[in-house]
Amino acid sequence: MVKARVGVLRGGLGHEYEVSLVTGQSVLEHLPVVYRGRDILIDRAGVWHLGGLPTAPVRVARQVDVFFNALHGEYGEDGKIQSELDQLGLPYTGSGTAPSALGMNKEMSKDLFRRAGLKVPPGLVVRQDESGDSSRVAREVFNKISPPWVVKPNDRGSSVGLFFARSIGDLGQAITDGWVISPVLLVEHYLRGREATAGVIDDFRGAEHYALPPIEIRRPAGKLLWDYQDKYSGETSEICPGNFSDNEKHELEKLAITAHRALGLRHYSRSDFILTNHGIYLLETNSLPGLTKESLLPKALKAVGCSYPNFLEHVITLALSGR
């Protein structure tokens, strides 16, 4: 039996380089025996490496049958690597170029979510101009959105560059700090409530889009936000399945599928929510959620009796079949 060669892409050009390394390693370690894994490192300069040696992507493509995209954030999750893989003409896991770009752009994805009937936090996009006058921008935000606020880059994932602000002064500083990371920021009203996340798997167990059980996320004591460090430090408390009523559980699952469809995503995704007294709000949808030991999607898969290797085989099969 000839084993399909799976090129696992990890590393990349973005802020989530280290997490991608871990996700990629986890994928390589859990690949079913029916596949032959190839470790493909993309360094911070964008150079591809196979077998520890730098090489051209077109040469790598000759030695694999399918790519498993284990990249995260910029370059890996925003349509750039997808465009490169499309040019190489080989199948790959995860969403395609346009849906990936939409999913990473918070301004555009929120617009699509609203059109799909999903509730999203009130927010404004603020762009850095030549003056860099964050104080003026903060005052403009204050006149339209009540405090407190959450400030985050418009084009990053995993809560990279996430800031919290209670006053106009705090907001101005958060915008200044955020512009160091990205010239385009999203400022949203901070919503209080219980946090949840729900994954979606395509063509799984007889469903076109199968919703995994929602996970309840409890932040470390005193933390107002679930930031990048919290997500991968193991300090948060995740309850899977979460302590939600049947109605809340079904609603979260329905909303996760709606978000998945709204962006045109494929294979798998994970959406983050907050449950408030005024309803359930969608915070964002991840087109390539992490697959490390601290990541939430593998925990939800385990809760429904799907092992990590079985999940990998399912997703790779979807990619190879062109779905």
C-alpha atoms as a PDB file:
ATOM      1  CA  MET A   1       0.000   0.000   0.000  1.00  0.00           C
ATOM      2  CA  VAL A   2       1.383   3.382  -1.045  1.00  0.00           C
ATOM      3  CA  LYS A   3       1.078   5.903   1.765  1.00  0.00           C
ATOM      4  CA  ALA A   4      -0.102   9.403   0.919  1.00  0.00           C
ATOM      5  CA  ARG A   5       2.602  11.956   1.669  1.00  0.00           C
ATOM      6  CA  VAL A   6       1.357  14.692   3.998  1.00  0.00           C
ATOM      7  CA  GLY A   7       3.429  17.862   4.109  1.00  0.00           C
ATOM      8  CA  VAL A   8       2.802  19.545   7.461  1.00  0.00           C
ATOM      9  CA  LEU A   9       3.356  23.299   7.162  1.00  0.00           C
ATOM     10  CA  ARG A  10       4.431  25.016  10.385  1.00  0.00           C
ATOM     11  CA  GLY A  11       6.172  28.192  11.488  1.00  0.00           C
ATOM     12  CA  GLY A  12       5.386  31.099   9.187  1.00  0.00           C
ATOM     13  CA  LEU A  13       5.799  34.866   9.156  1.00  0.00           C
ATOM     14  CA  GLY A  14       3.340  35.947  11.825  1.00  0.00           C
ATOM     15  CA  HIS A  15       3.188  36.613  15.550  1.00  0.00           C
ATOM     16  CA  GLU A  16       1.967  33.057  16.177  1.00  0.00           C
ATOM     17  CA  TYR A  17       5.127  31.393  14.874  1.00  0.00           C
ATOM     18  CA  GLU A  18       5.859  29.509  18.110  1.00  0.00           C
ATOM     19  CA  VAL A  19       2.308  28.221  18.498  1.00  0.00           C
ATOM     20  CA  SER A  20       2.343  27.037  14.894  1.00  0.00           C
ATOM     21  CA  LEU A  21       5.512  25.065  15.594  1.00  0.00           C
ATOM     22  CA  VAL A  22       3.724  23.251  18.407  1.00  0.00           C
ATOM     23  CA  THR A  23       0.554  22.665  16.394  1.00  0.00           C
ATOM     24  CA  GLY A  24       2.607  21.271  13.526  1.00  0.00           C
ATOM     25  CA  GLN A  25       4.554  18.993  15.845  1.00  0.00           C
ATOM     26  CA  SER A  26       1.308  17.693  17.345  1.00  0.00           C
ATOM     27  CA  VAL A  27      -0.042  16.948  13.883  1.00  0.00           C
ATOM     28  CA  LEU A  28       3.138  15.090  12.916  1.00  0.00           C
ATOM     29  CA  GLU A  29       3.066  13.059  16.122  1.00  0.00           C
ATOM     30  CA  HIS A  30      -0.575  12.045  15.682  1.00  0.00           C
ATOM     31  CA  LEU A  31      -0.681  11.342  11.943  1.00  0.00           C
ATOM     32  CA  PRO A  32      -2.312   7.959  11.313  1.00  0.00           C
ATOM     33  CA  VAL A  33       0.000   5.241  10.038  1.00  0.00           C
ATOM     34  CA  VAL A  34      -1.747   5.319   6.646  1.00  0.00           C
ATOM     35  CA  TYR A  35       0.127   8.570   5.938  1.00  0.00           C
ATOM     36  CA  ARG A  36       3.748   9.487   5.548  1.00  0.00           C
ATOM     37  CA  GLY A  37       4.435  12.799   7.266  1.00  0.00           C
ATOM     38  CA  ARG A  38       6.860  15.380   5.922  1.00  0.00           C
ATOM     39  CA  ASP A  39       7.898  18.217   8.229  1.00  0.00           C
ATOM     40  CA  ILE A  40       7.905  21.496   6.306  1.00  0.00           C
ATOM     41  CA  LEU A  41       9.210  24.473   8.250  1.00  0.00           C
ATOM     42  CA  ILE A  42       8.628  27.992   6.982  1.00  0.00           C
ATOM     43  CA  ASP A  43      10.997  30.280   8.851  1.00  0.00           C
ATOM     44  CA  ARG A  44      10.327  33.864   9.915  1.00  0.00           C
ATOM     45  CA  ALA A  45      11.842  35.105   6.646  1.00  0.00           C
ATOM     46  CA  GLY A  46       9.440  32.992   4.600  1.00  0.00           C
ATOM     47  CA  VAL A  47      12.017  30.403   3.488  1.00  0.00           C
ATOM     48  CA  TRP A  48      10.691  26.850   3.178  1.00  0.00           C
ATOM     49  CA  HIS A  49      12.718  23.997   4.691  1.00  0.00           C
ATOM     50  CA  LEU A  50      12.363  20.272   4.065  1.00  0.00           C
ATOM     51  CA  GLY A  51      14.561  17.791   5.895  1.00  0.00           C
ATOM     52  CA  GLY A  52      16.242  20.708   7.656  1.00  0.00           C
ATOM     53  CA  LEU A  53      17.430  22.247   4.377  1.00  0.00           C
ATOM     54  CA  PRO A  54      16.092  25.390   2.651  1.00  0.00           C
ATOM     55  CA  THR A  55      14.321  24.642  -0.596  1.00  0.00           C
ATOM     56  CA  ALA A  56      11.861  26.129  -3.051  1.00  0.00           C
ATOM     57  CA  PRO A  57       8.121  25.515  -2.527  1.00  0.00           C
ATOM     58  CA  VAL A  58       7.810  24.002  -6.011  1.00  0.00           C
ATOM     59  CA  ARG A  59      10.401  21.377  -5.072  1.00  0.00           C
ATOM     60  CA  VAL A  60       8.558  20.595  -1.860  1.00  0.00           C
ATOM     61  CA  ALA A  61       5.351  20.142  -3.852  1.00  0.00           C
ATOM     62  CA  ARG A  62       6.965  17.350  -5.848  1.00  0.00           C
ATOM     63  CA  GLN A  63       7.491  15.372  -2.659  1.00  0.00           C
ATOM     64  CA  VAL A  64       4.031  15.605  -1.088  1.00  0.00           C
ATOM     65  CA  ASP A  65       0.476  14.685  -2.080  1.00  0.00           C
ATOM     66  CA  VAL A  66      -1.382  17.021   0.260  1.00  0.00           C
ATOM     67  CA  PHE A  67      -0.480  19.862   2.606  1.00  0.00           C
ATOM     68  CA  PHE A  68      -1.710  20.036   6.178  1.00  0.00           C
ATOM     69  CA  ASN A  69      -1.812  23.726   7.022  1.00  0.00           C
ATOM     70  CA  ALA A  70      -0.687  24.042  10.647  1.00  0.00           C
ATOM     71  CA  LEU A  71       0.128  27.747  10.350  1.00  0.00           C
ATOM     72  CA  HIS A  72      -1.698  30.423  12.361  1.00  0.00           C
ATOM     73  CA  GLY A  73      -2.363  34.144  12.123  1.00  0.00           C
ATOM     74  CA  GLU A  74      -0.835  36.382   9.472  1.00  0.00           C
ATOM     75  CA  TYR A  75       0.365  34.604   6.337  1.00  0.00           C
ATOM     76  CA  GLY A  76      -1.016  31.234   7.475  1.00  0.00           C
ATOM     77  CA  GLU A  77      -4.631  32.124   8.131  1.00  0.00           C
ATOM     78  CA  ASP A  78      -5.249  35.233   6.039  1.00  0.00           C
ATOM     79  CA  GLY A  79      -5.239  33.813   2.528  1.00  0.00           C
ATOM     80  CA  LYS A  80      -1.562  34.364   1.699  1.00  0.00           C
ATOM     81  CA  ILE A  81      -0.284  30.802   2.124  1.00  0.00           C
ATOM     82  CA  GLN A  82      -3.537  29.532   0.627  1.00  0.00           C
ATOM     83  CA  SER A  83      -2.857  31.572  -2.518  1.00  0.00           C
ATOM     84  CA  GLU A  84       0.646  30.096  -2.738  1.00  0.00           C
ATOM     85  CA  LEU A  85      -0.693  26.566  -2.295  1.00  0.00           C
ATOM     86  CA  ASP A  86      -3.326  27.167  -4.977  1.00  0.00           C
ATOM     87  CA  GLN A  87      -0.534  28.117  -7.361  1.00  0.00           C
ATOM     88  CA  LEU A  88       1.323  24.905  -6.515  1.00  0.00           C
ATOM     89  CA  GLY A  89      -1.790  22.983  -7.556  1.00  0.00           C
ATOM     90  CA  LEU A  90      -1.927  20.603  -4.580  1.00  0.00           C
ATOM     91  CA  PRO A  91      -4.789  20.092  -2.129  1.00  0.00           C
ATOM     92  CA  TYR A  92      -4.505  21.431   1.408  1.00  0.00           C
ATOM     93  CA  THR A  93      -6.457  21.333   4.636  1.00  0.00           C
ATOM     94  CA  GLY A  94      -8.443  24.256   5.938  1.00  0.00           C
ATOM     95  CA  SER A  95     -10.287  27.023   4.161  1.00  0.00           C
ATOM     96  CA  GLY A  96      -9.468  28.465   0.777  1.00  0.00           C
ATOM     97  CA  THR A  97      -7.919  31.805  -0.104  1.00  0.00           C
ATOM     98  CA  ALA A  98     -10.913  34.161  -0.093  1.00  0.00           C
ATOM     99  CA  PRO A  99     -12.699  32.733   2.981  1.00  0.00           C
ATOM    100  CA  SER A 100      -9.430  32.759   4.921  1.00  0.00           C
ATOM    101  CA  ALA A 101      -8.832  36.406   4.055  1.00  0.00           C
ATOM    102  CA  LEU A 102     -12.377  37.298   5.080  1.00  0.00           C
ATOM    103  CA  GLY A 103     -12.089  35.418   8.343  1.00  0.00           C
ATOM    104  CA  MET A 104      -8.894  37.197   9.360  1.00  0.00           C
ATOM    105  CA  ASN A 105     -10.248  40.653   8.540  1.00  0.00           C
ATOM    106  CA  LYS A 106     -12.426  41.467  11.555  1.00  0.00           C
ATOM    107  CA  GLU A 107     -14.124  44.438   9.909  1.00  0.00           C
ATOM    108  CA  MET A 108     -15.245  42.433   6.888  1.00  0.00           C
ATOM    109  CA  SER A 109     -16.149  39.296   8.829  1.00  0.00           C
ATOM    110  CA  LYS A 110     -18.285  41.275  11.309  1.00  0.00           C
ATOM    111  CA  ASP A 111     -20.221  42.730   8.388  1.00  0.00           C
ATOM    112  CA  LEU A 112     -20.884  39.235   7.037  1.00  0.00           C
ATOM    113  CA  PHE A 113     -21.896  38.028  10.486  1.00  0.00           C
ATOM    114  CA  ARG A 114     -24.412  40.859  10.846  1.00  0.00           C
ATOM    115  CA  ARG A 115     -25.900  40.022   7.446  1.00  0.00           C
ATOM    116  CA  ALA A 116     -26.268  36.407   8.615  1.00  0.00           C
ATOM    117  CA  GLY A 117     -28.261  37.577  11.632  1.00  0.00           C
ATOM    118  CA  LEU A 118     -25.514  37.099  14.220  1.00  0.00           C
ATOM    119  CA  LYS A 119     -25.058  39.504  17.102  1.00  0.00           C
ATOM    120  CA  VAL A 120     -21.607  41.103  17.295  1.00  0.00           C
ATOM    121  CA  PRO A 121     -20.268  43.653  19.821  1.00  0.00           C
ATOM    122  CA  PRO A 122     -20.667  47.338  18.903  1.00  0.00           C
ATOM    123  CA  GLY A 123     -17.377  48.487  17.416  1.00  0.00           C
ATOM    124  CA  LEU A 124     -15.418  50.866  15.236  1.00  0.00           C
ATOM    125  CA  VAL A 125     -12.371  50.406  13.030  1.00  0.00           C
ATOM    126  CA  VAL A 126      -9.672  53.034  13.591  1.00  0.00           C
ATOM    127  CA  ARG A 127      -6.886  53.509  11.097  1.00  0.00           C
ATOM    128  CA  GLN A 128      -3.515  55.077  11.768  1.00  0.00           C
ATOM    129  CA  ASP A 129      -2.905  58.255   9.793  1.00  0.00           C
ATOM    130  CA  GLU A 130       0.204  60.385   9.397  1.00  0.00           C
ATOM    131  CA  SER A 131      -0.566  62.378  12.541  1.00  0.00           C
ATOM    132  CA  GLY A 132      -0.814  59.264  14.713  1.00  0.00           C
ATOM    133  CA  ASP A 133      -3.067  61.260  17.062  1.00  0.00           C
ATOM    134  CA  SER A 134      -4.491  58.483  19.230  1.00  0.00           C
ATOM    135  CA  SER A 135      -6.015  60.979  21.683  1.00  0.00           C
ATOM    136  CA  ARG A 136      -8.217  62.451  18.965  1.00  0.00           C
ATOM    137  CA  VAL A 137      -9.235  58.992  17.820  1.00  0.00           C
ATOM    138  CA  ALA A 138     -10.035  57.984  21.405  1.00  0.00           C
ATOM    139  CA  ARG A 139     -12.361  60.968  21.778  1.00  0.00           C
ATOM    140  CA  GLU A 140     -14.124  60.054  18.547  1.00  0.00           C
ATOM    141  CA  VAL A 141     -14.632  56.498  19.779  1.00  0.00           C
ATOM    142  CA  PHE A 142     -15.925  57.760  23.149  1.00  0.00           C
ATOM    143  CA  ASN A 143     -18.581  59.820  21.363  1.00  0.00           C
ATOM    144  CA  LYS A 144     -19.924  56.715  19.607  1.00  0.00           C
ATOM    145  CA  ILE A 145     -19.251  53.723  21.888  1.00  0.00           C
ATOM    146  CA  SER A 146     -19.567  53.660  25.664  1.00  0.00           C
ATOM    147  CA  PRO A 147     -16.736  52.357  27.865  1.00  0.00           C
ATOM    148  CA  PRO A 148     -15.140  50.053  28.732  1.00  0.00           C
ATOM    149  CA  TRP A 149     -13.502  48.996  25.487  1.00  0.00           C
ATOM    150  CA  VAL A 150     -11.486  46.180  23.977  1.00  0.00           C
ATOM    151  CA  VAL A 151      -8.839  47.164  21.405  1.00  0.00           C
ATOM    152  CA  LYS A 152      -7.358  44.605  19.010  1.00  0.00           C
ATOM    153  CA  PRO A 153      -5.684  44.472  15.598  1.00  0.00           C
ATOM    154  CA  ASN A 154      -8.085  44.074  12.708  1.00  0.00           C
ATOM    155  CA  ASP A 155      -5.948  41.360  11.119  1.00  0.00           C
ATOM    156  CA  ARG A 156      -4.560  39.103  13.840  1.00  0.00           C
ATOM    157  CA  GLY A 157      -5.716  35.965  15.625  1.00  0.00           C
ATOM    158  CA  SER A 158      -5.282  34.252  18.994  1.00  0.00           C
ATOM    159  CA  SER A 159      -5.905  37.519  20.874  1.00  0.00           C
ATOM    160  CA  VAL A 160      -2.565  38.925  19.714  1.00  0.00           C
ATOM    161  CA  GLY A 161      -2.329  42.618  20.655  1.00  0.00           C
ATOM    162  CA  LEU A 162      -5.449  42.627  22.835  1.00  0.00           C
ATOM    163  CA  PHE A 163      -5.928  45.650  25.131  1.00  0.00           C
ATOM    164  CA  PHE A 164      -8.553  46.701  27.690  1.00  0.00           C
ATOM    165  CA  ALA A 165      -9.434  50.333  28.436  1.00  0.00           C
ATOM    166  CA  ARG A 166     -11.762  51.936  30.991  1.00  0.00           C
ATOM    167  CA  SER A 167     -11.085  55.655  30.373  1.00  0.00           C
ATOM    168  CA  ILE A 168     -10.327  57.884  27.380  1.00  0.00           C
ATOM    169  CA  GLY A 169      -6.711  58.083  28.568  1.00  0.00           C
ATOM    170  CA  ASP A 170      -6.454  54.289  28.716  1.00  0.00           C
ATOM    171  CA  LEU A 171      -8.063  54.041  25.304  1.00  0.00           C
ATOM    172  CA  GLY A 172      -5.616  56.487  23.745  1.00  0.00           C
ATOM    173  CA  GLN A 173      -2.685  54.502  25.118  1.00  0.00           C
ATOM    174  CA  ALA A 174      -4.204  51.204  23.955  1.00  0.00           C
ATOM    175  CA  ILE A 175      -4.615  52.611  20.447  1.00  0.00           C
ATOM    176  CA  THR A 176      -1.021  53.878  20.467  1.00  0.00           C
ATOM    177  CA  ASP A 177       0.237  50.458  21.565  1.00  0.00           C
ATOM    178  CA  GLY A 178      -2.041  48.670  19.116  1.00  0.00           C
ATOM    179  CA  TRP A 179      -0.803  50.689  16.152  1.00  0.00           C
ATOM    180  CA  VAL A 180       2.667  49.284  16.812  1.00  0.00           C
ATOM    181  CA  ILE A 181       1.239  45.887  15.901  1.00  0.00           C
ATOM    182  CA  SER A 182      -1.152  46.889  13.135  1.00  0.00           C
ATOM    183  CA  PRO A 183      -2.144  50.198  11.483  1.00  0.00           C
ATOM    184  CA  VAL A 184      -5.791  49.118  11.544  1.00  0.00           C
ATOM    185  CA  LEU A 185      -7.470  48.413  14.885  1.00  0.00           C
ATOM    186  CA  LEU A 186     -10.920  47.335  15.978  1.00  0.00           C
ATOM    187  CA  VAL A 187     -12.315  49.013  19.089  1.00  0.00           C
ATOM    188  CA  GLU A 188     -15.324  47.248  20.602  1.00  0.00           C
ATOM    189  CA  HIS A 189     -17.523  47.772  23.618  1.00  0.00           C
ATOM    190  CA  TYR A 190     -16.476  45.311  26.315  1.00  0.00           C
ATOM    191  CA  LEU A 191     -19.265  42.823  26.987  1.00  0.00           C
ATOM    192  CA  ARG A 192     -19.599  41.115  30.350  1.00  0.00           C
ATOM    193  CA  GLY A 193     -20.770  37.538  30.447  1.00  0.00           C
ATOM    194  CA  ARG A 194     -19.743  33.906  30.237  1.00  0.00           C
ATOM    195  CA  GLU A 195     -17.310  32.957  27.492  1.00  0.00           C
ATOM    196  CA  ALA A 196     -17.772  29.973  25.236  1.00  0.00           C
ATOM    197  CA  THR A 197     -16.249  28.472  22.128  1.00  0.00           C
ATOM    198  CA  ALA A 198     -17.708  25.955  19.696  1.00  0.00           C
ATOM    199  CA  GLY A 199     -16.057  24.034  16.887  1.00  0.00           C
ATOM    200  CA  VAL A 200     -17.497  22.929  13.558  1.00  0.00           C
ATOM    201  CA  ILE A 201     -16.361  19.953  11.458  1.00  0.00           C
ATOM    202  CA  ASP A 202     -17.471  19.477   7.863  1.00  0.00           C
ATOM    203  CA  ASP A 203     -19.008  16.244   6.528  1.00  0.00           C
ATOM    204  CA  PHE A 204     -18.768  14.546   9.905  1.00  0.00           C
ATOM    205  CA  ARG A 205     -21.091  11.839  11.267  1.00  0.00           C
ATOM    206  CA  GLY A 206     -23.634  12.346   8.534  1.00  0.00           C
ATOM    207  CA  ALA A 207     -23.883  16.133   8.929  1.00  0.00           C
ATOM    208  CA  GLU A 208     -22.743  18.686   6.374  1.00  0.00           C
ATOM    209  CA  HIS A 209     -21.591  20.857   9.279  1.00  0.00           C
ATOM    210  CA  TYR A 210     -21.246  19.086  12.631  1.00  0.00           C
ATOM    211  CA  ALA A 211     -21.104  21.277  15.730  1.00  0.00           C
ATOM    212  CA  LEU A 212     -18.902  20.073  18.565  1.00  0.00           C
ATOM    213  CA  PRO A 213     -20.099  20.561  22.156  1.00  0.00           C
ATOM    214  CA  PRO A 214     -19.541  24.157  23.322  1.00  0.00           C
ATOM    215  CA  ILE A 215     -16.726  24.665  25.813  1.00  0.00           C
ATOM    216  CA  GLU A 216     -17.090  27.062  28.721  1.00  0.00           C
ATOM    217  CA  ILE A 217     -13.980  29.174  29.308  1.00  0.00           C
ATOM    218  CA  ARG A 218     -13.175  30.538  32.726  1.00  0.00           C
ATOM    219  CA  ARG A 219     -10.390  33.091  32.774  1.00  0.00           C
ATOM    220  CA  PRO A 220      -7.708  33.238  35.475  1.00  0.00           C
ATOM    221  CA  ALA A 221      -8.840  35.135  38.584  1.00  0.00           C
ATOM    222  CA  GLY A 222      -8.782  38.888  38.057  1.00  0.00           C
ATOM    223  CA  LYS A 223      -8.395  38.646  34.282  1.00  0.00           C
ATOM    224  CA  LEU A 224     -10.860  40.710  32.267  1.00  0.00           C
ATOM    225  CA  LEU A 225      -9.720  39.310  28.924  1.00  0.00           C
ATOM    226  CA  TRP A 226      -8.690  35.920  27.629  1.00  0.00           C
ATOM    227  CA  ASP A 227      -5.444  36.984  25.968  1.00  0.00           C
ATOM    228  CA  TYR A 228      -2.749  35.287  23.913  1.00  0.00           C
ATOM    229  CA  GLN A 229      -0.723  34.166  26.936  1.00  0.00           C
ATOM    230  CA  ASP A 230      -3.786  32.726  28.672  1.00  0.00           C
ATOM    231  CA  LYS A 231      -4.744  30.703  25.611  1.00  0.00           C
ATOM    232  CA  TYR A 232      -1.516  28.707  25.614  1.00  0.00           C
ATOM    233  CA  SER A 233      -0.317  28.835  29.224  1.00  0.00           C
ATOM    234  CA  GLY A 234      -2.798  26.287  30.530  1.00  0.00           C
ATOM    235  CA  GLU A 235      -3.919  28.749  33.228  1.00  0.00           C
ATOM    236  CA  THR A 236      -7.502  29.040  32.023  1.00  0.00           C
ATOM    237  CA  SER A 237     -10.169  26.601  33.107  1.00  0.00           C
ATOM    238  CA  GLU A 238     -12.046  24.970  30.262  1.00  0.00           C
ATOM    239  CA  ILE A 239     -15.157  22.926  30.923  1.00  0.00           C
ATOM    240  CA  CYS A 240     -16.133  20.565  28.134  1.00  0.00           C
ATOM    241  CA  PRO A 241     -19.000  20.181  27.633  1.00  0.00           C
ATOM    242  CA  GLY A 242     -19.703  23.556  29.237  1.00  0.00           C
ATOM    243  CA  ASN A 243     -22.244  24.222  31.962  1.00  0.00           C
ATOM    244  CA  PHE A 244     -24.878  25.549  29.589  1.00  0.00           C
ATOM    245  CA  SER A 245     -28.599  24.934  29.510  1.00  0.00           C
ATOM    246  CA  ASP A 246     -29.909  22.805  26.654  1.00  0.00           C
ATOM    247  CA  ASN A 247     -31.220  25.943  24.944  1.00  0.00           C
ATOM    248  CA  GLU A 248     -27.852  27.722  25.304  1.00  0.00           C
ATOM    249  CA  LYS A 249     -25.977  24.671  24.035  1.00  0.00           C
ATOM    250  CA  HIS A 250     -28.182  24.293  20.959  1.00  0.00           C
ATOM    251  CA  GLU A 251     -28.036  28.019  20.254  1.00  0.00           C
ATOM    252  CA  LEU A 252     -24.230  28.104  20.478  1.00  0.00           C
ATOM    253  CA  GLU A 253     -23.973  25.147  18.132  1.00  0.00           C
ATOM    254  CA  LYS A 254     -26.380  26.766  15.658  1.00  0.00           C
ATOM    255  CA  LEU A 255     -24.512  30.086  15.785  1.00  0.00           C
ATOM    256  CA  ALA A 256     -21.129  28.380  15.242  1.00  0.00           C
ATOM    257  CA  ILE A 257     -22.467  26.695  12.105  1.00  0.00           C
ATOM    258  CA  THR A 258     -23.995  29.978  10.906  1.00  0.00           C
ATOM    259  CA  ALA A 259     -20.641  31.759  11.340  1.00  0.00           C
ATOM    260  CA  HIS A 260     -18.809  28.919   9.547  1.00  0.00           C
ATOM    261  CA  ARG A 261     -21.204  29.205   6.604  1.00  0.00           C
ATOM    262  CA  ALA A 262     -21.225  33.013   6.565  1.00  0.00           C
ATOM    263  CA  LEU A 263     -17.491  33.079   5.866  1.00  0.00           C
ATOM    264  CA  GLY A 264     -17.597  30.139   3.465  1.00  0.00           C
ATOM    265  CA  LEU A 265     -15.126  28.148   5.569  1.00  0.00           C
ATOM    266  CA  ARG A 266     -14.307  24.502   4.986  1.00  0.00           C
ATOM    267  CA  HIS A 267     -13.084  21.436   6.871  1.00  0.00           C
ATOM    268  CA  TYR A 268     -13.122  22.928  10.399  1.00  0.00           C
ATOM    269  CA  SER A 269     -13.370  26.134  12.388  1.00  0.00           C
ATOM    270  CA  ARG A 270     -13.956  27.396  15.926  1.00  0.00           C
ATOM    271  CA  SER A 271     -16.064  30.371  16.980  1.00  0.00           C
ATOM    272  CA  ASP A 272     -15.792  32.331  20.223  1.00  0.00           C
ATOM    273  CA  PHE A 273     -18.858  33.722  21.966  1.00  0.00           C
ATOM    274  CA  ILE A 274     -19.922  35.623  25.047  1.00  0.00           C
ATOM    275  CA  LEU A 275     -23.265  34.957  26.721  1.00  0.00           C
ATOM    276  CA  THR A 276     -24.751  38.162  28.119  1.00  0.00           C
ATOM    277  CA  ASN A 277     -28.070  39.178  29.643  1.00  0.00           C
ATOM    278  CA  HIS A 278     -29.006  40.539  26.216  1.00  0.00           C
ATOM    279  CA  GLY A 279     -28.201  37.430  24.202  1.00  0.00           C
ATOM    280  CA  ILE A 280     -25.248  35.559  22.737  1.00  0.00           C
ATOM    281  CA  TYR A 281     -22.650  37.606  20.870  1.00  0.00           C
ATOM    282  CA  LEU A 282     -20.102  36.261  18.410  1.00  0.00           C
ATOM    283  CA  LEU A 283     -16.613  37.595  19.115  1.00  0.00           C
ATOM    284  CA  GLU A 284     -14.726  35.990  16.217  1.00  0.00           C
ATOM    285  CA  THR A 285     -14.340  32.851  14.136  1.00  0.00           C
ATOM    286  CA  ASN A 286     -10.998  31.074  13.711  1.00  0.00           C
ATOM    287  CA  SER A 287     -10.517  29.385  10.348  1.00  0.00           C
ATOM    288  CA  LEU A 288      -7.432  27.507  11.602  1.00  0.00           C
ATOM    289  CA  PRO A 289      -7.847  26.983  15.348  1.00  0.00           C
ATOM    290  CA  GLY A 290      -4.857  25.696  17.269  1.00  0.00           C
ATOM    291  CA  LEU A 291      -4.239  21.977  17.618  1.00  0.00           C
ATOM    292  CA  THR A 292      -1.766  22.000  20.523  1.00  0.00           C
ATOM    293  CA  LYS A 293      -2.350  20.071  23.754  1.00  0.00           C
ATOM    294  CA  GLU A 294      -3.732  23.269  25.297  1.00  0.00           C
ATOM    295  CA  SER A 295      -6.025  23.970  22.346  1.00  0.00           C
ATOM    296  CA  LEU A 296      -9.777  23.748  22.592  1.00  0.00           C
ATOM    297  CA  LEU A 297     -10.741  21.929  19.405  1.00  0.00           C
ATOM    298  CA  PRO A 298      -8.954  18.666  20.375  1.00  0.00           C
ATOM    299  CA  LYS A 299     -10.687  18.795  23.772  1.00  0.00           C
ATOM    300  CA  ALA A 300     -14.097  19.110  22.140  1.00  0.00           C
ATOM    301  CA  LEU A 301     -13.274  16.278  19.732  1.00  0.00           C
ATOM    302  CA  LYS A 302     -12.331  14.048  22.645  1.00  0.00           C
ATOM    303  CA  ALA A 303     -15.663  14.844  24.317  1.00  0.00           C
ATOM    304  CA  VAL A 304     -17.543  13.326  21.361  1.00  0.00           C
ATOM    305  CA  GLY A 305     -15.272  10.284  21.150  1.00  0.00           C
ATOM    306  CA  CYS A 306     -13.169  11.398  18.186  1.00  0.00           C
ATOM    307  CA  SER A 307      -9.447  10.846  18.647  1.00  0.00           C
ATOM    308  CA  TYR A 308      -6.836  13.271  17.355  1.00  0.00           C
ATOM    309  CA  PRO A 309      -5.593  10.797  14.674  1.00  0.00           C
ATOM    310  CA  ASN A 310      -9.181  10.155  13.526  1.00  0.00           C
ATOM    311  CA  PHE A 311      -9.760  13.885  13.172  1.00  0.00           C
ATOM    312  CA  LEU A 312      -6.559  14.302  11.153  1.00  0.00           C
ATOM    313  CA  GLU A 313      -7.519  11.430   8.859  1.00  0.00           C
ATOM    314  CA  HIS A 314     -10.970  12.931   8.349  1.00  0.00           C
ATOM    315  CA  VAL A 315      -9.650  16.380   7.436  1.00  0.00           C
ATOM    316  CA  ILE A 316      -6.908  15.017   5.165  1.00  0.00           C
ATOM    317  CA  THR A 317      -9.465  12.820   3.418  1.00  0.00           C
ATOM    318  CA  LEU A 318     -11.647  15.889   2.808  1.00  0.00           C
ATOM    319  CA  ALA A 319      -8.677  17.750   1.331  1.00  0.00           C
ATOM    320  CA  LEU A 320      -7.629  14.853  -0.924  1.00  0.00           C
ATOM    321  CA  SER A 321     -11.189  14.408  -2.166  1.00  0.00           C
ATOM    322  CA  GLY A 322     -11.439  18.076  -3.112  1.00  0.00           C
ATOM    323  CA  ARG A 323     -14.134  18.899  -0.569  1.00  0.00           C
END
